Amino acid sequence: MAFSYKRSIRVGELIQQTVSKLIRNIEELNTELVTIVGTKITDDLLSCRIYYSVLGSQEDKKKVNEILRKNTKEVRHQLALHLNLRRTPEISFIYDATNENAAKIFNILKQIEEEKN
């Protein structure tokens, strides 16, 4: 069976699904606030950036960032147990502000439209 896309993309999607489940087990993390929105993994599968977003205030974002950074090794260990890879990639959590940026742009465009009228 031939796949139409690269192995790194398939592994990245698998990591995204698995990490989404694993972060639910972090006790001090309010999981209703956190969403894993994507992953980017190198072609050699040794390094993976996991992008997340947070629904909440700046304080919530800082707290989630701190908790994820503190639990990175444990998440990687659990990832190794769940995935069947020769080597588990080094992971890093990166905040994704795409939704916030889109909302800012939308508000700017709305203001420009209101000024025209």
PDB file of N, CA and C in Angstrom:
ATOM      1  N   MET A   1       0.841  -1.164   0.000  1.00  0.00           N
ATOM      2  CA  MET A   1       0.000   0.000   0.000  1.00  0.00           C
ATOM      3  C   MET A   1       0.894   1.238   0.000  1.00  0.00           C
ATOM      4  N   ALA A   2       0.725   2.096  -0.970  1.00  0.00           N
ATOM      5  CA  ALA A   2       1.524   3.315  -1.101  1.00  0.00           C
ATOM      6  C   ALA A   2       0.791   4.484  -0.445  1.00  0.00           C
ATOM      7  N   PHE A   3       1.564   5.287   0.280  1.00  0.00           N
ATOM      8  CA  PHE A   3       1.005   6.486   0.898  1.00  0.00           C
ATOM      9  C   PHE A   3       1.323   7.684   0.018  1.00  0.00           C
ATOM     10  N   SER A   4       0.426   8.626  -0.029  1.00  0.00           N
ATOM     11  CA  SER A   4       0.603   9.767  -0.906  1.00  0.00           C
ATOM     12  C   SER A   4       1.326  10.931  -0.225  1.00  0.00           C
ATOM     13  N   TYR A   5       1.749  10.773   1.002  1.00  0.00           N
ATOM     14  CA  TYR A   5       2.478  11.841   1.654  1.00  0.00           C
ATOM     15  C   TYR A   5       3.594  11.272   2.522  1.00  0.00           C
ATOM     16  N   LYS A   6       4.528  12.140   2.909  1.00  0.00           N
ATOM     17  CA  LYS A   6       5.753  11.699   3.562  1.00  0.00           C
ATOM     18  C   LYS A   6       5.499  11.084   4.939  1.00  0.00           C
ATOM     19  N   ARG A   7       6.425  10.236   5.326  1.00  0.00           N
ATOM     20  CA  ARG A   7       6.339   9.571   6.621  1.00  0.00           C
ATOM     21  C   ARG A   7       6.375  10.587   7.764  1.00  0.00           C
ATOM     22  N   SER A   8       7.181  11.627   7.615  1.00  0.00           N
ATOM     23  CA  SER A   8       7.265  12.628   8.684  1.00  0.00           C
ATOM     24  C   SER A   8       5.911  13.285   8.933  1.00  0.00           C
ATOM     25  N   ILE A   9       5.128  13.481   7.892  1.00  0.00           N
ATOM     26  CA  ILE A   9       3.794  14.071   8.064  1.00  0.00           C
ATOM     27  C   ILE A   9       2.884  13.098   8.797  1.00  0.00           C
ATOM     28  N   ARG A  10       2.934  11.827   8.426  1.00  0.00           N
ATOM     29  CA  ARG A  10       2.097  10.825   9.095  1.00  0.00           C
ATOM     30  C   ARG A  10       2.486  10.692  10.563  1.00  0.00           C
ATOM     31  N   VAL A  11       3.780  10.668  10.850  1.00  0.00           N
ATOM     32  CA  VAL A  11       4.242  10.564  12.244  1.00  0.00           C
ATOM     33  C   VAL A  11       3.849  11.815  13.018  1.00  0.00           C
ATOM     34  N   GLY A  12       3.943  12.981  12.388  1.00  0.00           N
ATOM     35  CA  GLY A  12       3.545  14.227  13.040  1.00  0.00           C
ATOM     36  C   GLY A  12       2.083  14.216  13.429  1.00  0.00           C
ATOM     37  N   GLU A  13       1.230  13.710  12.535  1.00  0.00           N
ATOM     38  CA  GLU A  13      -0.199  13.621  12.845  1.00  0.00           C
ATOM     39  C   GLU A  13      -0.446  12.645  13.994  1.00  0.00           C
ATOM     40  N   LEU A  14       0.281  11.546  14.000  1.00  0.00           N
ATOM     41  CA  LEU A  14       0.152  10.568  15.075  1.00  0.00           C
ATOM     42  C   LEU A  14       0.604  11.166  16.411  1.00  0.00           C
ATOM     43  N   ILE A  15       1.691  11.919  16.381  1.00  0.00           N
ATOM     44  CA  ILE A  15       2.181  12.582  17.597  1.00  0.00           C
ATOM     45  C   ILE A  15       1.148  13.586  18.092  1.00  0.00           C
ATOM     46  N   GLN A  16       0.549  14.349  17.182  1.00  0.00           N
ATOM     47  CA  GLN A  16      -0.472  15.331  17.573  1.00  0.00           C
ATOM     48  C   GLN A  16      -1.637  14.653  18.278  1.00  0.00           C
ATOM     49  N   GLN A  17      -2.132  13.560  17.722  1.00  0.00           N
ATOM     50  CA  GLN A  17      -3.250  12.843  18.335  1.00  0.00           C
ATOM     51  C   GLN A  17      -2.860  12.282  19.696  1.00  0.00           C
ATOM     52  N   THR A  18      -1.671  11.697  19.775  1.00  0.00           N
ATOM     53  CA  THR A  18      -1.234  11.068  21.020  1.00  0.00           C
ATOM     54  C   THR A  18      -0.989  12.099  22.114  1.00  0.00           C
ATOM     55  N   VAL A  19      -0.321  13.200  21.776  1.00  0.00           N
ATOM     56  CA  VAL A  19      -0.047  14.241  22.772  1.00  0.00           C
ATOM     57  C   VAL A  19      -1.346  14.871  23.250  1.00  0.00           C
ATOM     58  N   SER A  20      -2.320  15.022  22.354  1.00  0.00           N
ATOM     59  CA  SER A  20      -3.623  15.559  22.763  1.00  0.00           C
ATOM     60  C   SER A  20      -4.243  14.710  23.861  1.00  0.00           C
ATOM     61  N   LYS A  21      -4.078  13.407  23.752  1.00  0.00           N
ATOM     62  CA  LYS A  21      -4.600  12.508  24.786  1.00  0.00           C
ATOM     63  C   LYS A  21      -3.735  12.545  26.040  1.00  0.00           C
ATOM     64  N   LEU A  22      -2.409  12.609  25.859  1.00  0.00           N
ATOM     65  CA  LEU A  22      -1.497  12.557  26.997  1.00  0.00           C
ATOM     66  C   LEU A  22      -1.600  13.779  27.901  1.00  0.00           C
ATOM     67  N   ILE A  23      -1.826  14.965  27.328  1.00  0.00           N
ATOM     68  CA  ILE A  23      -1.872  16.155  28.181  1.00  0.00           C
ATOM     69  C   ILE A  23      -3.110  16.157  29.062  1.00  0.00           C
ATOM     70  N   ARG A  24      -4.094  15.349  28.732  1.00  0.00           N
ATOM     71  CA  ARG A  24      -5.284  15.234  29.582  1.00  0.00           C
ATOM     72  C   ARG A  24      -4.932  14.614  30.937  1.00  0.00           C
ATOM     73  N   ASN A  25      -3.792  13.915  31.002  1.00  0.00           N
ATOM     74  CA  ASN A  25      -3.377  13.250  32.239  1.00  0.00           C
ATOM     75  C   ASN A  25      -2.511  14.123  33.132  1.00  0.00           C
ATOM     76  N   ILE A  26      -2.167  15.325  32.693  1.00  0.00           N
ATOM     77  CA  ILE A  26      -1.376  16.233  33.521  1.00  0.00           C
ATOM     78  C   ILE A  26      -2.322  16.881  34.520  1.00  0.00           C
ATOM     79  N   GLU A  27      -2.127  16.564  35.776  1.00  0.00           N
ATOM     80  CA  GLU A  27      -3.084  16.943  36.818  1.00  0.00           C
ATOM     81  C   GLU A  27      -3.234  18.451  36.998  1.00  0.00           C
ATOM     82  N   GLU A  28      -2.118  19.179  37.024  1.00  0.00           N
ATOM     83  CA  GLU A  28      -2.212  20.617  37.309  1.00  0.00           C
ATOM     84  C   GLU A  28      -2.638  21.446  36.099  1.00  0.00           C
ATOM     85  N   LEU A  29      -2.841  20.799  34.960  1.00  0.00           N
ATOM     86  CA  LEU A  29      -3.219  21.501  33.741  1.00  0.00           C
ATOM     87  C   LEU A  29      -4.732  21.498  33.559  1.00  0.00           C
ATOM     88  N   ASN A  30      -5.309  22.677  33.353  1.00  0.00           N
ATOM     89  CA  ASN A  30      -6.736  22.780  33.067  1.00  0.00           C
ATOM     90  C   ASN A  30      -6.914  22.482  31.581  1.00  0.00           C
ATOM     91  N   THR A  31      -7.242  21.230  31.274  1.00  0.00           N
ATOM     92  CA  THR A  31      -7.218  20.768  29.890  1.00  0.00           C
ATOM     93  C   THR A  31      -8.319  21.355  29.024  1.00  0.00           C
ATOM     94  N   GLU A  32      -9.325  21.988  29.627  1.00  0.00           N
ATOM     95  CA  GLU A  32     -10.351  22.625  28.815  1.00  0.00           C
ATOM     96  C   GLU A  32      -9.787  23.845  28.090  1.00  0.00           C
ATOM     97  N   LEU A  33      -8.703  24.388  28.613  1.00  0.00           N
ATOM     98  CA  LEU A  33      -8.118  25.590  28.042  1.00  0.00           C
ATOM     99  C   LEU A  33      -7.132  25.311  26.915  1.00  0.00           C
ATOM    100  N   VAL A  34      -6.585  24.093  26.824  1.00  0.00           N
ATOM    101  CA  VAL A  34      -5.462  23.798  25.936  1.00  0.00           C
ATOM    102  C   VAL A  34      -5.907  22.946  24.756  1.00  0.00           C
ATOM    103  N   THR A  35      -5.428  23.328  23.574  1.00  0.00           N
ATOM    104  CA  THR A  35      -5.679  22.556  22.365  1.00  0.00           C
ATOM    105  C   THR A  35      -4.367  22.380  21.618  1.00  0.00           C
ATOM    106  N   ILE A  36      -4.071  21.155  21.232  1.00  0.00           N
ATOM    107  CA  ILE A  36      -2.907  20.898  20.393  1.00  0.00           C
ATOM    108  C   ILE A  36      -3.358  21.152  18.958  1.00  0.00           C
ATOM    109  N   VAL A  37      -2.778  22.160  18.319  1.00  0.00           N
ATOM    110  CA  VAL A  37      -3.260  22.573  16.999  1.00  0.00           C
ATOM    111  C   VAL A  37      -2.418  22.043  15.855  1.00  0.00           C
ATOM    112  N   GLY A  38      -1.224  21.555  16.140  1.00  0.00           N
ATOM    113  CA  GLY A  38      -0.406  21.028  15.051  1.00  0.00           C
ATOM    114  C   GLY A  38       0.959  20.597  15.515  1.00  0.00           C
ATOM    115  N   THR A  39       1.656  19.933  14.614  1.00  0.00           N
ATOM    116  CA  THR A  39       3.033  19.524  14.877  1.00  0.00           C
ATOM    117  C   THR A  39       3.864  19.769  13.634  1.00  0.00           C
ATOM    118  N   LYS A  40       5.136  19.951  13.843  1.00  0.00           N
ATOM    119  CA  LYS A  40       6.088  20.040  12.741  1.00  0.00           C
ATOM    120  C   LYS A  40       7.285  19.188  13.147  1.00  0.00           C
ATOM    121  N   ILE A  41       7.544  18.161  12.365  1.00  0.00           N
ATOM    122  CA  ILE A  41       8.605  17.220  12.699  1.00  0.00           C
ATOM    123  C   ILE A  41       9.625  17.208  11.564  1.00  0.00           C
ATOM    124  N   THR A  42      10.884  17.074  11.928  1.00  0.00           N
ATOM    125  CA  THR A  42      11.926  17.034  10.906  1.00  0.00           C
ATOM    126  C   THR A  42      11.827  15.729  10.118  1.00  0.00           C
ATOM    127  N   ASP A  43      12.392  15.734   8.912  1.00  0.00           N
ATOM    128  CA  ASP A  43      12.326  14.542   8.061  1.00  0.00           C
ATOM    129  C   ASP A  43      13.045  13.340   8.668  1.00  0.00           C
ATOM    130  N   ASP A  44      14.049  13.599   9.519  1.00  0.00           N
ATOM    131  CA  ASP A  44      14.747  12.474  10.160  1.00  0.00           C
ATOM    132  C   ASP A  44      14.040  11.993  11.433  1.00  0.00           C
ATOM    133  N   LEU A  45      12.906  12.611  11.764  1.00  0.00           N
ATOM    134  CA  LEU A  45      12.042  12.232  12.894  1.00  0.00           C
ATOM    135  C   LEU A  45      12.732  12.360  14.252  1.00  0.00           C
ATOM    136  N   LEU A  46      13.718  13.250  14.362  1.00  0.00           N
ATOM    137  CA  LEU A  46      14.444  13.388  15.624  1.00  0.00           C
ATOM    138  C   LEU A  46      14.042  14.624  16.426  1.00  0.00           C
ATOM    139  N   SER A  47      13.323  15.539  15.813  1.00  0.00           N
ATOM    140  CA  SER A  47      12.926  16.754  16.505  1.00  0.00           C
ATOM    141  C   SER A  47      11.500  17.114  16.104  1.00  0.00           C
ATOM    142  N   CYS A  48      10.688  17.462  17.095  1.00  0.00           N
ATOM    143  CA  CYS A  48       9.288  17.758  16.828  1.00  0.00           C
ATOM    144  C   CYS A  48       8.864  18.990  17.625  1.00  0.00           C
ATOM    145  N   ARG A  49       8.246  19.936  16.926  1.00  0.00           N
ATOM    146  CA  ARG A  49       7.656  21.096  17.577  1.00  0.00           C
ATOM    147  C   ARG A  49       6.159  20.864  17.652  1.00  0.00           C
ATOM    148  N   ILE A  50       5.615  20.990  18.849  1.00  0.00           N
ATOM    149  CA  ILE A  50       4.186  20.777  19.077  1.00  0.00           C
ATOM    150  C   ILE A  50       3.561  22.134  19.362  1.00  0.00           C
ATOM    151  N   TYR A  51       2.627  22.541  18.506  1.00  0.00           N
ATOM    152  CA  TYR A  51       1.981  23.837  18.626  1.00  0.00           C
ATOM    153  C   TYR A  51       0.675  23.695  19.396  1.00  0.00           C
ATOM    154  N   TYR A  52       0.469  24.602  20.348  1.00  0.00           N
ATOM    155  CA  TYR A  52      -0.746  24.567  21.159  1.00  0.00           C
ATOM    156  C   TYR A  52      -1.346  25.958  21.250  1.00  0.00           C
ATOM    157  N   SER A  53      -2.635  26.000  21.534  1.00  0.00           N
ATOM    158  CA  SER A  53      -3.296  27.276  21.794  1.00  0.00           C
ATOM    159  C   SER A  53      -4.005  27.169  23.139  1.00  0.00           C
ATOM    160  N   VAL A  54      -4.246  28.335  23.723  1.00  0.00           N
ATOM    161  CA  VAL A  54      -4.858  28.399  25.039  1.00  0.00           C
ATOM    162  C   VAL A  54      -6.037  29.354  24.973  1.00  0.00           C
ATOM    163  N   LEU A  55      -7.163  28.904  25.478  1.00  0.00           N
ATOM    164  CA  LEU A  55      -8.344  29.751  25.576  1.00  0.00           C
ATOM    165  C   LEU A  55      -8.361  30.330  26.978  1.00  0.00           C
ATOM    166  N   GLY A  56      -8.086  31.616  27.083  1.00  0.00           N
ATOM    167  CA  GLY A  56      -8.063  32.239  28.398  1.00  0.00           C
ATOM    168  C   GLY A  56      -7.223  33.502  28.406  1.00  0.00           C
ATOM    169  N   SER A  57      -6.916  33.956  29.613  1.00  0.00           N
ATOM    170  CA  SER A  57      -6.180  35.204  29.800  1.00  0.00           C
ATOM    171  C   SER A  57      -4.681  34.990  29.601  1.00  0.00           C
ATOM    172  N   GLN A  58      -3.938  36.106  29.624  1.00  0.00           N
ATOM    173  CA  GLN A  58      -2.476  36.029  29.524  1.00  0.00           C
ATOM    174  C   GLN A  58      -1.906  35.206  30.675  1.00  0.00           C
ATOM    175  N   GLU A  59      -2.498  35.336  31.846  1.00  0.00           N
ATOM    176  CA  GLU A  59      -2.044  34.572  33.007  1.00  0.00           C
ATOM    177  C   GLU A  59      -2.226  33.073  32.767  1.00  0.00           C
ATOM    178  N   ASP A  60      -3.362  32.688  32.176  1.00  0.00           N
ATOM    179  CA  ASP A  60      -3.597  31.277  31.847  1.00  0.00           C
ATOM    180  C   ASP A  60      -2.556  30.772  30.852  1.00  0.00           C
ATOM    181  N   LYS A  61      -2.223  31.606  29.874  1.00  0.00           N
ATOM    182  CA  LYS A  61      -1.245  31.216  28.859  1.00  0.00           C
ATOM    183  C   LYS A  61       0.125  30.999  29.480  1.00  0.00           C
ATOM    184  N   LYS A  62       0.516  31.894  30.374  1.00  0.00           N
ATOM    185  CA  LYS A  62       1.811  31.747  31.042  1.00  0.00           C
ATOM    186  C   LYS A  62       1.842  30.494  31.904  1.00  0.00           C
ATOM    187  N   LYS A  63       0.753  30.240  32.615  1.00  0.00           N
ATOM    188  CA  LYS A  63       0.677  29.065  33.483  1.00  0.00           C
ATOM    189  C   LYS A  63       0.745  27.779  32.660  1.00  0.00           C
ATOM    190  N   VAL A  64      -0.010  27.719  31.567  1.00  0.00           N
ATOM    191  CA  VAL A  64       0.004  26.531  30.702  1.00  0.00           C
ATOM    192  C   VAL A  64       1.387  26.326  30.111  1.00  0.00           C
ATOM    193  N   ASN A  65       2.030  27.413  29.662  1.00  0.00           N
ATOM    194  CA  ASN A  65       3.372  27.313  29.102  1.00  0.00           C
ATOM    195  C   ASN A  65       4.348  26.727  30.114  1.00  0.00           C
ATOM    196  N   GLU A  66       4.279  27.214  31.345  1.00  0.00           N
ATOM    197  CA  GLU A  66       5.159  26.731  32.407  1.00  0.00           C
ATOM    198  C   GLU A  66       4.911  25.247  32.694  1.00  0.00           C
ATOM    199  N   ILE A  67       3.652  24.856  32.772  1.00  0.00           N
ATOM    200  CA  ILE A  67       3.303  23.461  33.065  1.00  0.00           C
ATOM    201  C   ILE A  67       3.765  22.541  31.943  1.00  0.00           C
ATOM    202  N   LEU A  68       3.550  22.952  30.689  1.00  0.00           N
ATOM    203  CA  LEU A  68       3.981  22.113  29.565  1.00  0.00           C
ATOM    204  C   LEU A  68       5.501  21.990  29.518  1.00  0.00           C
ATOM    205  N   ARG A  69       6.208  23.070  29.745  1.00  0.00           N
ATOM    206  CA  ARG A  69       7.675  23.020  29.761  1.00  0.00           C
ATOM    207  C   ARG A  69       8.175  22.099  30.881  1.00  0.00           C
ATOM    208  N   LYS A  70       7.523  22.190  32.037  1.00  0.00           N
ATOM    209  CA  LYS A  70       7.919  21.361  33.175  1.00  0.00           C
ATOM    210  C   LYS A  70       7.671  19.876  32.910  1.00  0.00           C
ATOM    211  N   ASN A  71       6.637  19.558  32.134  1.00  0.00           N
ATOM    212  CA  ASN A  71       6.256  18.166  31.890  1.00  0.00           C
ATOM    213  C   ASN A  71       6.712  17.630  30.538  1.00  0.00           C
ATOM    214  N   THR A  72       7.593  18.331  29.839  1.00  0.00           N
ATOM    215  CA  THR A  72       8.034  17.906  28.513  1.00  0.00           C
ATOM    216  C   THR A  72       8.675  16.527  28.539  1.00  0.00           C
ATOM    217  N   LYS A  73       9.540  16.270  29.522  1.00  0.00           N
ATOM    218  CA  LYS A  73      10.217  14.965  29.586  1.00  0.00           C
ATOM    219  C   LYS A  73       9.226  13.833  29.835  1.00  0.00           C
ATOM    220  N   GLU A  74       8.263  14.069  30.694  1.00  0.00           N
ATOM    221  CA  GLU A  74       7.264  13.036  30.980  1.00  0.00           C
ATOM    222  C   GLU A  74       6.384  12.773  29.755  1.00  0.00           C
ATOM    223  N   VAL A  75       5.995  13.829  29.054  1.00  0.00           N
ATOM    224  CA  VAL A  75       5.186  13.656  27.842  1.00  0.00           C
ATOM    225  C   VAL A  75       5.983  12.881  26.801  1.00  0.00           C
ATOM    226  N   ARG A  76       7.262  13.202  26.664  1.00  0.00           N
ATOM    227  CA  ARG A  76       8.106  12.476  25.698  1.00  0.00           C
ATOM    228  C   ARG A  76       8.224  11.007  26.083  1.00  0.00           C
ATOM    229  N   HIS A  77       8.382  10.734  27.371  1.00  0.00           N
ATOM    230  CA  HIS A  77       8.472   9.348  27.841  1.00  0.00           C
ATOM    231  C   HIS A  77       7.179   8.593  27.527  1.00  0.00           C
ATOM    232  N   GLN A  78       6.048   9.195  27.826  1.00  0.00           N
ATOM    233  CA  GLN A  78       4.767   8.557  27.531  1.00  0.00           C
ATOM    234  C   GLN A  78       4.554   8.388  26.029  1.00  0.00           C
ATOM    235  N   LEU A  79       5.042   9.345  25.264  1.00  0.00           N
ATOM    236  CA  LEU A  79       4.968   9.256  23.807  1.00  0.00           C
ATOM    237  C   LEU A  79       5.762   8.050  23.308  1.00  0.00           C
ATOM    238  N   ALA A  80       6.926   7.830  23.893  1.00  0.00           N
ATOM    239  CA  ALA A  80       7.751   6.676  23.517  1.00  0.00           C
ATOM    240  C   ALA A  80       7.030   5.367  23.812  1.00  0.00           C
ATOM    241  N   LEU A  81       6.268   5.333  24.901  1.00  0.00           N
ATOM    242  CA  LEU A  81       5.535   4.120  25.248  1.00  0.00           C
ATOM    243  C   LEU A  81       4.369   3.858  24.297  1.00  0.00           C
ATOM    244  N   HIS A  82       3.786   4.924  23.751  1.00  0.00           N
ATOM    245  CA  HIS A  82       2.605   4.785  22.896  1.00  0.00           C
ATOM    246  C   HIS A  82       2.942   4.607  21.412  1.00  0.00           C
ATOM    247  N   LEU A  83       4.099   5.124  20.989  1.00  0.00           N
ATOM    248  CA  LEU A  83       4.466   5.053  19.578  1.00  0.00           C
ATOM    249  C   LEU A  83       5.450   3.914  19.338  1.00  0.00           C
ATOM    250  N   ASN A  84       5.406   3.362  18.159  1.00  0.00           N
ATOM    251  CA  ASN A  84       6.329   2.291  17.796  1.00  0.00           C
ATOM    252  C   ASN A  84       7.398   2.863  16.869  1.00  0.00           C
ATOM    253  N   LEU A  85       8.269   3.696  17.443  1.00  0.00           N
ATOM    254  CA  LEU A  85       9.353   4.304  16.679  1.00  0.00           C
ATOM    255  C   LEU A  85      10.683   3.860  17.252  1.00  0.00           C
ATOM    256  N   ARG A  86      11.665   3.764  16.391  1.00  0.00           N
ATOM    257  CA  ARG A  86      13.006   3.382  16.850  1.00  0.00           C
ATOM    258  C   ARG A  86      13.539   4.399  17.856  1.00  0.00           C
ATOM    259  N   ARG A  87      13.393   5.688  17.529  1.00  0.00           N
ATOM    260  CA  ARG A  87      13.804   6.758  18.439  1.00  0.00           C
ATOM    261  C   ARG A  87      12.662   7.756  18.567  1.00  0.00           C
ATOM    262  N   THR A  88      12.371   8.124  19.777  1.00  0.00           N
ATOM    263  CA  THR A  88      11.327   9.118  20.020  1.00  0.00           C
ATOM    264  C   THR A  88      11.927  10.503  19.807  1.00  0.00           C
ATOM    265  N   PRO A  89      11.258  11.345  19.040  1.00  0.00           N
ATOM    266  CA  PRO A  89      11.820  12.677  18.770  1.00  0.00           C
ATOM    267  C   PRO A  89      11.868  13.549  20.018  1.00  0.00           C
ATOM    268  N   GLU A  90      12.847  14.466  20.033  1.00  0.00           N
ATOM    269  CA  GLU A  90      12.878  15.500  21.056  1.00  0.00           C
ATOM    270  C   GLU A  90      11.685  16.406  20.782  1.00  0.00           C
ATOM    271  N   ILE A  91      10.951  16.750  21.822  1.00  0.00           N
ATOM    272  CA  ILE A  91       9.764  17.575  21.615  1.00  0.00           C
ATOM    273  C   ILE A  91       9.923  18.927  22.298  1.00  0.00           C
ATOM    274  N   SER A  92       9.277  19.914  21.724  1.00  0.00           N
ATOM    275  CA  SER A  92       9.203  21.229  22.350  1.00  0.00           C
ATOM    276  C   SER A  92       7.802  21.781  22.090  1.00  0.00           C
ATOM    277  N   PHE A  93       7.261  22.429  23.094  1.00  0.00           N
ATOM    278  CA  PHE A  93       5.926  23.013  22.997  1.00  0.00           C
ATOM    279  C   PHE A  93       6.064  24.483  22.624  1.00  0.00           C
ATOM    280  N   ILE A  94       5.306  24.903  21.614  1.00  0.00           N
ATOM    281  CA  ILE A  94       5.365  26.277  21.126  1.00  0.00           C
ATOM    282  C   ILE A  94       3.942  26.827  21.070  1.00  0.00           C
ATOM    283  N   TYR A  95       3.772  28.003  21.669  1.00  0.00           N
ATOM    284  CA  TYR A  95       2.452  28.635  21.675  1.00  0.00           C
ATOM    285  C   TYR A  95       2.109  29.121  20.268  1.00  0.00           C
ATOM    286  N   ASP A  96       0.896  28.858  19.819  1.00  0.00           N
ATOM    287  CA  ASP A  96       0.425  29.261  18.493  1.00  0.00           C
ATOM    288  C   ASP A  96      -0.600  30.381  18.650  1.00  0.00           C
ATOM    289  N   ALA A  97      -0.227  31.564  18.209  1.00  0.00           N
ATOM    290  CA  ALA A  97      -1.090  32.732  18.363  1.00  0.00           C
ATOM    291  C   ALA A  97      -1.885  33.040  17.097  1.00  0.00           C
ATOM    292  N   THR A  98      -2.060  32.084  16.228  1.00  0.00           N
ATOM    293  CA  THR A  98      -2.743  32.304  14.954  1.00  0.00           C
ATOM    294  C   THR A  98      -4.157  32.838  15.151  1.00  0.00           C
ATOM    295  N   ASN A  99      -4.909  32.250  16.063  1.00  0.00           N
ATOM    296  CA  ASN A  99      -6.292  32.694  16.293  1.00  0.00           C
ATOM    297  C   ASN A  99      -6.347  34.135  16.797  1.00  0.00           C
ATOM    298  N   GLU A 100      -5.436  34.479  17.693  1.00  0.00           N
ATOM    299  CA  GLU A 100      -5.400  35.852  18.209  1.00  0.00           C
ATOM    300  C   GLU A 100      -5.047  36.834  17.107  1.00  0.00           C
ATOM    301  N   ASN A 101      -4.058  36.474  16.286  1.00  0.00           N
ATOM    302  CA  ASN A 101      -3.654  37.352  15.188  1.00  0.00           C
ATOM    303  C   ASN A 101      -4.787  37.527  14.185  1.00  0.00           C
ATOM    304  N   ALA A 102      -5.500  36.454  13.895  1.00  0.00           N
ATOM    305  CA  ALA A 102      -6.630  36.531  12.967  1.00  0.00           C
ATOM    306  C   ALA A 102      -7.721  37.439  13.529  1.00  0.00           C
ATOM    307  N   ALA A 103      -7.982  37.346  14.829  1.00  0.00           N
ATOM    308  CA  ALA A 103      -8.998  38.206  15.446  1.00  0.00           C
ATOM    309  C   ALA A 103      -8.584  39.674  15.387  1.00  0.00           C
ATOM    310  N   LYS A 104      -7.293  39.960  15.601  1.00  0.00           N
ATOM    311  CA  LYS A 104      -6.811  41.336  15.525  1.00  0.00           C
ATOM    312  C   LYS A 104      -6.976  41.893  14.111  1.00  0.00           C
ATOM    313  N   ILE A 105      -6.609  41.090  13.123  1.00  0.00           N
ATOM    314  CA  ILE A 105      -6.738  41.523  11.728  1.00  0.00           C
ATOM    315  C   ILE A 105      -8.204  41.767  11.385  1.00  0.00           C
ATOM    316  N   PHE A 106      -9.075  40.858  11.827  1.00  0.00           N
ATOM    317  CA  PHE A 106     -10.501  41.014  11.574  1.00  0.00           C
ATOM    318  C   PHE A 106     -11.022  42.313  12.187  1.00  0.00           C
ATOM    319  N   ASN A 107     -10.593  42.616  13.421  1.00  0.00           N
ATOM    320  CA  ASN A 107     -11.024  43.854  14.077  1.00  0.00           C
ATOM    321  C   ASN A 107     -10.515  45.083  13.343  1.00  0.00           C
ATOM    322  N   ILE A 108      -9.284  45.043  12.854  1.00  0.00           N
ATOM    323  CA  ILE A 108      -8.728  46.163  12.100  1.00  0.00           C
ATOM    324  C   ILE A 108      -9.526  46.380  10.815  1.00  0.00           C
ATOM    325  N   LEU A 109      -9.819  45.293  10.107  1.00  0.00           N
ATOM    326  CA  LEU A 109     -10.600  45.401   8.878  1.00  0.00           C
ATOM    327  C   LEU A 109     -12.012  45.928   9.156  1.00  0.00           C
ATOM    328  N   LYS A 110     -12.564  45.506  10.270  1.00  0.00           N
ATOM    329  CA  LYS A 110     -13.896  45.983  10.651  1.00  0.00           C
ATOM    330  C   LYS A 110     -13.870  47.484  10.938  1.00  0.00           C
ATOM    331  N   GLN A 111     -12.814  47.941  11.629  1.00  0.00           N
ATOM    332  CA  GLN A 111     -12.679  49.381  11.918  1.00  0.00           C
ATOM    333  C   GLN A 111     -12.528  50.189  10.643  1.00  0.00           C
ATOM    334  N   ILE A 112     -11.746  49.668   9.696  1.00  0.00           N
ATOM    335  CA  ILE A 112     -11.552  50.373   8.428  1.00  0.00           C
ATOM    336  C   ILE A 112     -12.869  50.476   7.689  1.00  0.00           C
ATOM    337  N   GLU A 113     -13.647  49.409   7.693  1.00  0.00           N
ATOM    338  CA  GLU A 113     -14.946  49.420   7.012  1.00  0.00           C
ATOM    339  C   GLU A 113     -15.894  50.410   7.675  1.00  0.00           C
ATOM    340  N   GLU A 114     -15.875  50.478   9.010  1.00  0.00           N
ATOM    341  CA  GLU A 114     -16.743  51.414   9.726  1.00  0.00           C
ATOM    342  C   GLU A 114     -16.347  52.862   9.435  1.00  0.00           C
ATOM    343  N   GLU A 115     -15.035  53.117   9.287  1.00  0.00           N
ATOM    344  CA  GLU A 115     -14.576  54.478   9.009  1.00  0.00           C
ATOM    345  C   GLU A 115     -14.981  54.922   7.600  1.00  0.00           C
ATOM    346  N   LYS A 116     -15.071  53.960   6.685  1.00  0.00           N
ATOM    347  CA  LYS A 116     -15.499  54.296   5.321  1.00  0.00           C
ATOM    348  C   LYS A 116     -16.948  54.721   5.291  1.00  0.00           C
ATOM    349  N   ASN A 117     -17.752  54.138   6.144  1.00  0.00           N
ATOM    350  CA  ASN A 117     -19.199  54.440   6.163  1.00  0.00           C
ATOM    351  C   ASN A 117     -19.460  55.655   6.934  1.00  0.00           C
TER     352      ASN A 117
END
